[in-house]
Amino acid sequence: MIDDEETATLRRRLEALRLEHRDLDEVIARLMDTAPYDMLQLRRLKKRKLILKDEIARLQNQVTPDIIA
């Protein structure tokens, strides 16, 4: 079980990751609006976004674990 301080730390980290994920959405959208765009850079940004999504899901599970009733 995690204590309140650890939970608060996880929630702050979670919010920071969500913010970075949203920022990457905007960067990717802007990059795709400019032609021609760098496919390698786009691929790297999308990969980073997926890594963030996985990390967000992992932290979310730690903050609010599934409880089987």
PDB file of N, CA and C in Angstrom:
ATOM      1  N   MET A   1       0.851  -1.183   0.000  1.00  0.00           N
ATOM      2  CA  MET A   1       0.000   0.000   0.000  1.00  0.00           C
ATOM      3  C   MET A   1       0.892   1.239   0.000  1.00  0.00           C
ATOM      4  N   ILE A   2       0.484   2.259  -0.725  1.00  0.00           N
ATOM      5  CA  ILE A   2       1.271   3.487  -0.756  1.00  0.00           C
ATOM      6  C   ILE A   2       0.631   4.532   0.140  1.00  0.00           C
ATOM      7  N   ASP A   3       1.487   5.361   0.730  1.00  0.00           N
ATOM      8  CA  ASP A   3       0.968   6.370   1.654  1.00  0.00           C
ATOM      9  C   ASP A   3       0.566   7.646   0.900  1.00  0.00           C
ATOM     10  N   ASP A   4       0.046   8.617   1.659  1.00  0.00           N
ATOM     11  CA  ASP A   4      -0.463   9.848   1.056  1.00  0.00           C
ATOM     12  C   ASP A   4       0.615  10.644   0.327  1.00  0.00           C
ATOM     13  N   GLU A   5       1.816  10.663   0.895  1.00  0.00           N
ATOM     14  CA  GLU A   5       2.908  11.408   0.269  1.00  0.00           C
ATOM     15  C   GLU A   5       3.303  10.791  -1.069  1.00  0.00           C
ATOM     16  N   GLU A   6       3.382   9.467  -1.103  1.00  0.00           N
ATOM     17  CA  GLU A   6       3.705   8.771  -2.344  1.00  0.00           C
ATOM     18  C   GLU A   6       2.599   8.976  -3.380  1.00  0.00           C
ATOM     19  N   THR A   7       1.361   8.941  -2.929  1.00  0.00           N
ATOM     20  CA  THR A   7       0.230   9.165  -3.826  1.00  0.00           C
ATOM     21  C   THR A   7       0.291  10.566  -4.413  1.00  0.00           C
ATOM     22  N   ALA A   8       0.587  11.556  -3.602  1.00  0.00           N
ATOM     23  CA  ALA A   8       0.689  12.937  -4.085  1.00  0.00           C
ATOM     24  C   ALA A   8       1.819  13.065  -5.102  1.00  0.00           C
ATOM     25  N   THR A   9       2.933  12.408  -4.833  1.00  0.00           N
ATOM     26  CA  THR A   9       4.064  12.434  -5.768  1.00  0.00           C
ATOM     27  C   THR A   9       3.679  11.783  -7.095  1.00  0.00           C
ATOM     28  N   LEU A  10       2.996  10.646  -7.018  1.00  0.00           N
ATOM     29  CA  LEU A  10       2.550   9.961  -8.238  1.00  0.00           C
ATOM     30  C   LEU A  10       1.567  10.821  -9.024  1.00  0.00           C
ATOM     31  N   ARG A  11       0.663  11.489  -8.320  1.00  0.00           N
ATOM     32  CA  ARG A  11      -0.319  12.351  -8.997  1.00  0.00           C
ATOM     33  C   ARG A  11       0.356  13.530  -9.694  1.00  0.00           C
ATOM     34  N   ARG A  12       1.386  14.107  -9.060  1.00  0.00           N
ATOM     35  CA  ARG A  12       2.125  15.207  -9.707  1.00  0.00           C
ATOM     36  C   ARG A  12       2.850  14.709 -10.951  1.00  0.00           C
ATOM     37  N   ARG A  13       3.474  13.553 -10.835  1.00  0.00           N
ATOM     38  CA  ARG A  13       4.178  12.964 -11.987  1.00  0.00           C
ATOM     39  C   ARG A  13       3.184  12.636 -13.099  1.00  0.00           C
ATOM     40  N   LEU A  14       2.044  12.113 -12.726  1.00  0.00           N
ATOM     41  CA  LEU A  14       1.000  11.777 -13.689  1.00  0.00           C
ATOM     42  C   LEU A  14       0.533  13.014 -14.442  1.00  0.00           C
ATOM     43  N   GLU A  15       0.315  14.106 -13.733  1.00  0.00           N
ATOM     44  CA  GLU A  15      -0.126  15.346 -14.365  1.00  0.00           C
ATOM     45  C   GLU A  15       0.949  15.891 -15.308  1.00  0.00           C
ATOM     46  N   ALA A  16       2.213  15.789 -14.905  1.00  0.00           N
ATOM     47  CA  ALA A  16       3.309  16.248 -15.761  1.00  0.00           C
ATOM     48  C   ALA A  16       3.372  15.426 -17.052  1.00  0.00           C
ATOM     49  N   LEU A  17       3.180  14.122 -16.937  1.00  0.00           N
ATOM     50  CA  LEU A  17       3.189  13.255 -18.122  1.00  0.00           C
ATOM     51  C   LEU A  17       2.006  13.555 -19.036  1.00  0.00           C
ATOM     52  N   ARG A  18       0.840  13.786 -18.445  1.00  0.00           N
ATOM     53  CA  ARG A  18      -0.334  14.135 -19.258  1.00  0.00           C
ATOM     54  C   ARG A  18      -0.121  15.441 -20.011  1.00  0.00           C
ATOM     55  N   LEU A  19       0.497  16.407 -19.350  1.00  0.00           N
ATOM     56  CA  LEU A  19       0.787  17.687 -19.988  1.00  0.00           C
ATOM     57  C   LEU A  19       1.762  17.491 -21.152  1.00  0.00           C
ATOM     58  N   GLU A  20       2.805  16.711 -20.933  1.00  0.00           N
ATOM     59  CA  GLU A  20       3.761  16.444 -22.009  1.00  0.00           C
ATOM     60  C   GLU A  20       3.083  15.719 -23.170  1.00  0.00           C
ATOM     61  N   HIS A  21       2.182  14.785 -22.857  1.00  0.00           N
ATOM     62  CA  HIS A  21       1.449  14.043 -23.883  1.00  0.00           C
ATOM     63  C   HIS A  21       0.598  14.996 -24.731  1.00  0.00           C
ATOM     64  N   ARG A  22      -0.096  15.938 -24.057  1.00  0.00           N
ATOM     65  CA  ARG A  22      -0.907  16.930 -24.795  1.00  0.00           C
ATOM     66  C   ARG A  22      -0.026  17.833 -25.648  1.00  0.00           C
ATOM     67  N   ASP A  23       1.113  18.230 -25.092  1.00  0.00           N
ATOM     68  CA  ASP A  23       2.041  19.072 -25.847  1.00  0.00           C
ATOM     69  C   ASP A  23       2.542  18.357 -27.100  1.00  0.00           C
ATOM     70  N   LEU A  24       2.827  17.076 -26.963  1.00  0.00           N
ATOM     71  CA  LEU A  24       3.266  16.308 -28.132  1.00  0.00           C
ATOM     72  C   LEU A  24       2.172  16.240 -29.191  1.00  0.00           C
ATOM     73  N   ASP A  25       0.917  16.138 -28.772  1.00  0.00           N
ATOM     74  CA  ASP A  25      -0.202  16.175 -29.724  1.00  0.00           C
ATOM     75  C   ASP A  25      -0.132  17.444 -30.573  1.00  0.00           C
ATOM     76  N   GLU A  26       0.069  18.562 -29.907  1.00  0.00           N
ATOM     77  CA  GLU A  26       0.127  19.843 -30.607  1.00  0.00           C
ATOM     78  C   GLU A  26       1.337  19.923 -31.533  1.00  0.00           C
ATOM     79  N   VAL A  27       2.478  19.470 -31.060  1.00  0.00           N
ATOM     80  CA  VAL A  27       3.692  19.502 -31.876  1.00  0.00           C
ATOM     81  C   VAL A  27       3.526  18.619 -33.112  1.00  0.00           C
ATOM     82  N   ILE A  28       2.976  17.435 -32.930  1.00  0.00           N
ATOM     83  CA  ILE A  28       2.761  16.516 -34.057  1.00  0.00           C
ATOM     84  C   ILE A  28       1.788  17.129 -35.063  1.00  0.00           C
ATOM     85  N   ALA A  29       0.715  17.727 -34.580  1.00  0.00           N
ATOM     86  CA  ALA A  29      -0.269  18.354 -35.473  1.00  0.00           C
ATOM     87  C   ALA A  29       0.374  19.489 -36.274  1.00  0.00           C
ATOM     88  N   ARG A  30       1.169  20.332 -35.596  1.00  0.00           N
ATOM     89  CA  ARG A  30       1.833  21.431 -36.300  1.00  0.00           C
ATOM     90  C   ARG A  30       2.841  20.911 -37.313  1.00  0.00           C
ATOM     91  N   LEU A  31       3.564  19.875 -36.958  1.00  0.00           N
ATOM     92  CA  LEU A  31       4.548  19.296 -37.867  1.00  0.00           C
ATOM     93  C   LEU A  31       3.867  18.747 -39.120  1.00  0.00           C
ATOM     94  N   MET A  32       2.735  18.103 -38.936  1.00  0.00           N
ATOM     95  CA  MET A  32       2.025  17.521 -40.081  1.00  0.00           C
ATOM     96  C   MET A  32       1.371  18.577 -40.956  1.00  0.00           C
ATOM     97  N   ASP A  33       1.145  19.775 -40.418  1.00  0.00           N
ATOM     98  CA  ASP A  33       0.563  20.858 -41.216  1.00  0.00           C
ATOM     99  C   ASP A  33       1.575  21.492 -42.150  1.00  0.00           C
ATOM    100  N   THR A  34       2.859  21.310 -41.855  1.00  0.00           N
ATOM    101  CA  THR A  34       3.898  21.882 -42.707  1.00  0.00           C
ATOM    102  C   THR A  34       4.366  20.822 -43.691  1.00  0.00           C
ATOM    103  N   ALA A  35       4.358  21.195 -44.950  1.00  0.00           N
ATOM    104  CA  ALA A  35       4.796  20.248 -45.980  1.00  0.00           C
ATOM    105  C   ALA A  35       6.073  20.761 -46.606  1.00  0.00           C
ATOM    106  N   PRO A  36       7.036  19.981 -46.879  1.00  0.00           N
ATOM    107  CA  PRO A  36       7.174  18.583 -46.443  1.00  0.00           C
ATOM    108  C   PRO A  36       7.652  18.525 -45.004  1.00  0.00           C
ATOM    109  N   TYR A  37       7.260  17.485 -44.300  1.00  0.00           N
ATOM    110  CA  TYR A  37       7.684  17.352 -42.910  1.00  0.00           C
ATOM    111  C   TYR A  37       8.657  16.182 -42.774  1.00  0.00           C
ATOM    112  N   ASP A  38       9.415  16.220 -41.725  1.00  0.00           N
ATOM    113  CA  ASP A  38      10.456  15.237 -41.452  1.00  0.00           C
ATOM    114  C   ASP A  38       9.816  13.967 -40.879  1.00  0.00           C
ATOM    115  N   MET A  39       9.805  12.920 -41.679  1.00  0.00           N
ATOM    116  CA  MET A  39       9.174  11.664 -41.249  1.00  0.00           C
ATOM    117  C   MET A  39       9.889  11.043 -40.056  1.00  0.00           C
ATOM    118  N   LEU A  40      11.196  11.166 -40.001  1.00  0.00           N
ATOM    119  CA  LEU A  40      11.945  10.605 -38.882  1.00  0.00           C
ATOM    120  C   LEU A  40      11.582  11.321 -37.583  1.00  0.00           C
ATOM    121  N   GLN A  41      11.514  12.637 -37.639  1.00  0.00           N
ATOM    122  CA  GLN A  41      11.134  13.401 -36.456  1.00  0.00           C
ATOM    123  C   GLN A  41       9.708  13.053 -36.028  1.00  0.00           C
ATOM    124  N   LEU A  42       8.817  12.937 -36.994  1.00  0.00           N
ATOM    125  CA  LEU A  42       7.430  12.580 -36.691  1.00  0.00           C
ATOM    126  C   LEU A  42       7.362  11.204 -36.030  1.00  0.00           C
ATOM    127  N   ARG A  43       8.106  10.259 -36.551  1.00  0.00           N
ATOM    128  CA  ARG A  43       8.124   8.902 -35.992  1.00  0.00           C
ATOM    129  C   ARG A  43       8.643   8.920 -34.548  1.00  0.00           C
ATOM    130  N   ARG A  44       9.693   9.706 -34.297  1.00  0.00           N
ATOM    131  CA  ARG A  44      10.238   9.799 -32.939  1.00  0.00           C
ATOM    132  C   ARG A  44       9.249  10.425 -31.970  1.00  0.00           C
ATOM    133  N   LEU A  45       8.551  11.466 -32.422  1.00  0.00           N
ATOM    134  CA  LEU A  45       7.560  12.124 -31.568  1.00  0.00           C
ATOM    135  C   LEU A  45       6.411  11.179 -31.239  1.00  0.00           C
ATOM    136  N   LYS A  46       5.959  10.438 -32.236  1.00  0.00           N
ATOM    137  CA  LYS A  46       4.860   9.492 -32.001  1.00  0.00           C
ATOM    138  C   LYS A  46       5.302   8.360 -31.068  1.00  0.00           C
ATOM    139  N   LYS A  47       6.540   7.924 -31.209  1.00  0.00           N
ATOM    140  CA  LYS A  47       7.051   6.875 -30.323  1.00  0.00           C
ATOM    141  C   LYS A  47       7.111   7.390 -28.890  1.00  0.00           C
ATOM    142  N   ARG A  48       7.589   8.623 -28.712  1.00  0.00           N
ATOM    143  CA  ARG A  48       7.640   9.228 -27.375  1.00  0.00           C
ATOM    144  C   ARG A  48       6.240   9.332 -26.787  1.00  0.00           C
ATOM    145  N   LYS A  49       5.276   9.696 -27.636  1.00  0.00           N
ATOM    146  CA  LYS A  49       3.893   9.824 -27.187  1.00  0.00           C
ATOM    147  C   LYS A  49       3.345   8.480 -26.701  1.00  0.00           C
ATOM    148  N   LEU A  50       3.675   7.402 -27.399  1.00  0.00           N
ATOM    149  CA  LEU A  50       3.236   6.068 -26.979  1.00  0.00           C
ATOM    150  C   LEU A  50       3.893   5.654 -25.663  1.00  0.00           C
ATOM    151  N   ILE A  51       5.165   5.988 -25.511  1.00  0.00           N
ATOM    152  CA  ILE A  51       5.865   5.676 -24.258  1.00  0.00           C
ATOM    153  C   ILE A  51       5.191   6.418 -23.105  1.00  0.00           C
ATOM    154  N   LEU A  52       4.857   7.685 -23.341  1.00  0.00           N
ATOM    155  CA  LEU A  52       4.170   8.471 -22.314  1.00  0.00           C
ATOM    156  C   LEU A  52       2.816   7.858 -21.972  1.00  0.00           C
ATOM    157  N   LYS A  53       2.093   7.419 -22.990  1.00  0.00           N
ATOM    158  CA  LYS A  53       0.776   6.814 -22.764  1.00  0.00           C
ATOM    159  C   LYS A  53       0.891   5.576 -21.872  1.00  0.00           C
ATOM    160  N   ASP A  54       1.894   4.747 -22.139  1.00  0.00           N
ATOM    161  CA  ASP A  54       2.116   3.551 -21.315  1.00  0.00           C
ATOM    162  C   ASP A  54       2.477   3.928 -19.883  1.00  0.00           C
ATOM    163  N   GLU A  55       3.334   4.927 -19.731  1.00  0.00           N
ATOM    164  CA  GLU A  55       3.744   5.365 -18.391  1.00  0.00           C
ATOM    165  C   GLU A  55       2.559   5.960 -17.635  1.00  0.00           C
ATOM    166  N   ILE A  56       1.719   6.719 -18.328  1.00  0.00           N
ATOM    167  CA  ILE A  56       0.514   7.301 -17.720  1.00  0.00           C
ATOM    168  C   ILE A  56      -0.403   6.176 -17.218  1.00  0.00           C
ATOM    169  N   ALA A  57      -0.597   5.164 -18.036  1.00  0.00           N
ATOM    170  CA  ALA A  57      -1.457   4.041 -17.641  1.00  0.00           C
ATOM    171  C   ALA A  57      -0.883   3.308 -16.430  1.00  0.00           C
ATOM    172  N   ARG A  58       0.445   3.111 -16.415  1.00  0.00           N
ATOM    173  CA  ARG A  58       1.088   2.423 -15.302  1.00  0.00           C
ATOM    174  C   ARG A  58       0.919   3.211 -14.004  1.00  0.00           C
ATOM    175  N   LEU A  59       1.159   4.526 -14.073  1.00  0.00           N
ATOM    176  CA  LEU A  59       1.016   5.356 -12.879  1.00  0.00           C
ATOM    177  C   LEU A  59      -0.437   5.445 -12.427  1.00  0.00           C
ATOM    178  N   GLN A  60      -1.351   5.524 -13.390  1.00  0.00           N
ATOM    179  CA  GLN A  60      -2.774   5.585 -13.060  1.00  0.00           C
ATOM    180  C   GLN A  60      -3.200   4.337 -12.299  1.00  0.00           C
ATOM    181  N   ASN A  61      -2.656   3.197 -12.693  1.00  0.00           N
ATOM    182  CA  ASN A  61      -2.971   1.952 -11.991  1.00  0.00           C
ATOM    183  C   ASN A  61      -2.409   1.935 -10.584  1.00  0.00           C
ATOM    184  N   GLN A  62      -1.285   2.600 -10.373  1.00  0.00           N
ATOM    185  CA  GLN A  62      -0.708   2.666  -9.028  1.00  0.00           C
ATOM    186  C   GLN A  62      -1.526   3.588  -8.136  1.00  0.00           C
ATOM    187  N   VAL A  63      -2.023   4.677  -8.712  1.00  0.00           N
ATOM    188  CA  VAL A  63      -2.795   5.650  -7.934  1.00  0.00           C
ATOM    189  C   VAL A  63      -4.183   5.112  -7.626  1.00  0.00           C
ATOM    190  N   THR A  64      -4.826   4.493  -8.596  1.00  0.00           N
ATOM    191  CA  THR A  64      -6.162   3.938  -8.405  1.00  0.00           C
ATOM    192  C   THR A  64      -6.171   2.473  -8.861  1.00  0.00           C
ATOM    193  N   PRO A  65      -5.695   1.573  -8.025  1.00  0.00           N
ATOM    194  CA  PRO A  65      -5.640   0.151  -8.420  1.00  0.00           C
ATOM    195  C   PRO A  65      -7.031  -0.445  -8.551  1.00  0.00           C
ATOM    196  N   ASP A  66      -7.111  -1.461  -9.401  1.00  0.00           N
ATOM    197  CA  ASP A  66      -8.374  -2.186  -9.542  1.00  0.00           C
ATOM    198  C   ASP A  66      -8.644  -2.955  -8.261  1.00  0.00           C
ATOM    199  N   ILE A  67      -9.847  -2.797  -7.752  1.00  0.00           N
ATOM    200  CA  ILE A  67     -10.235  -3.506  -6.536  1.00  0.00           C
ATOM    201  C   ILE A  67     -11.390  -4.428  -6.912  1.00  0.00           C
ATOM    202  N   ILE A  68     -11.145  -5.701  -6.751  1.00  0.00           N
ATOM    203  CA  ILE A  68     -12.181  -6.691  -7.068  1.00  0.00           C
ATOM    204  C   ILE A  68     -13.054  -6.860  -5.845  1.00  0.00           C
ATOM    205  N   ALA A  69     -14.330  -6.543  -6.018  1.00  0.00           N
ATOM    206  CA  ALA A  69     -15.251  -6.624  -4.874  1.00  0.00           C
ATOM    207  C   ALA A  69     -15.883  -7.988  -4.777  1.00  0.00           C
TER     208      ALA A  69
END
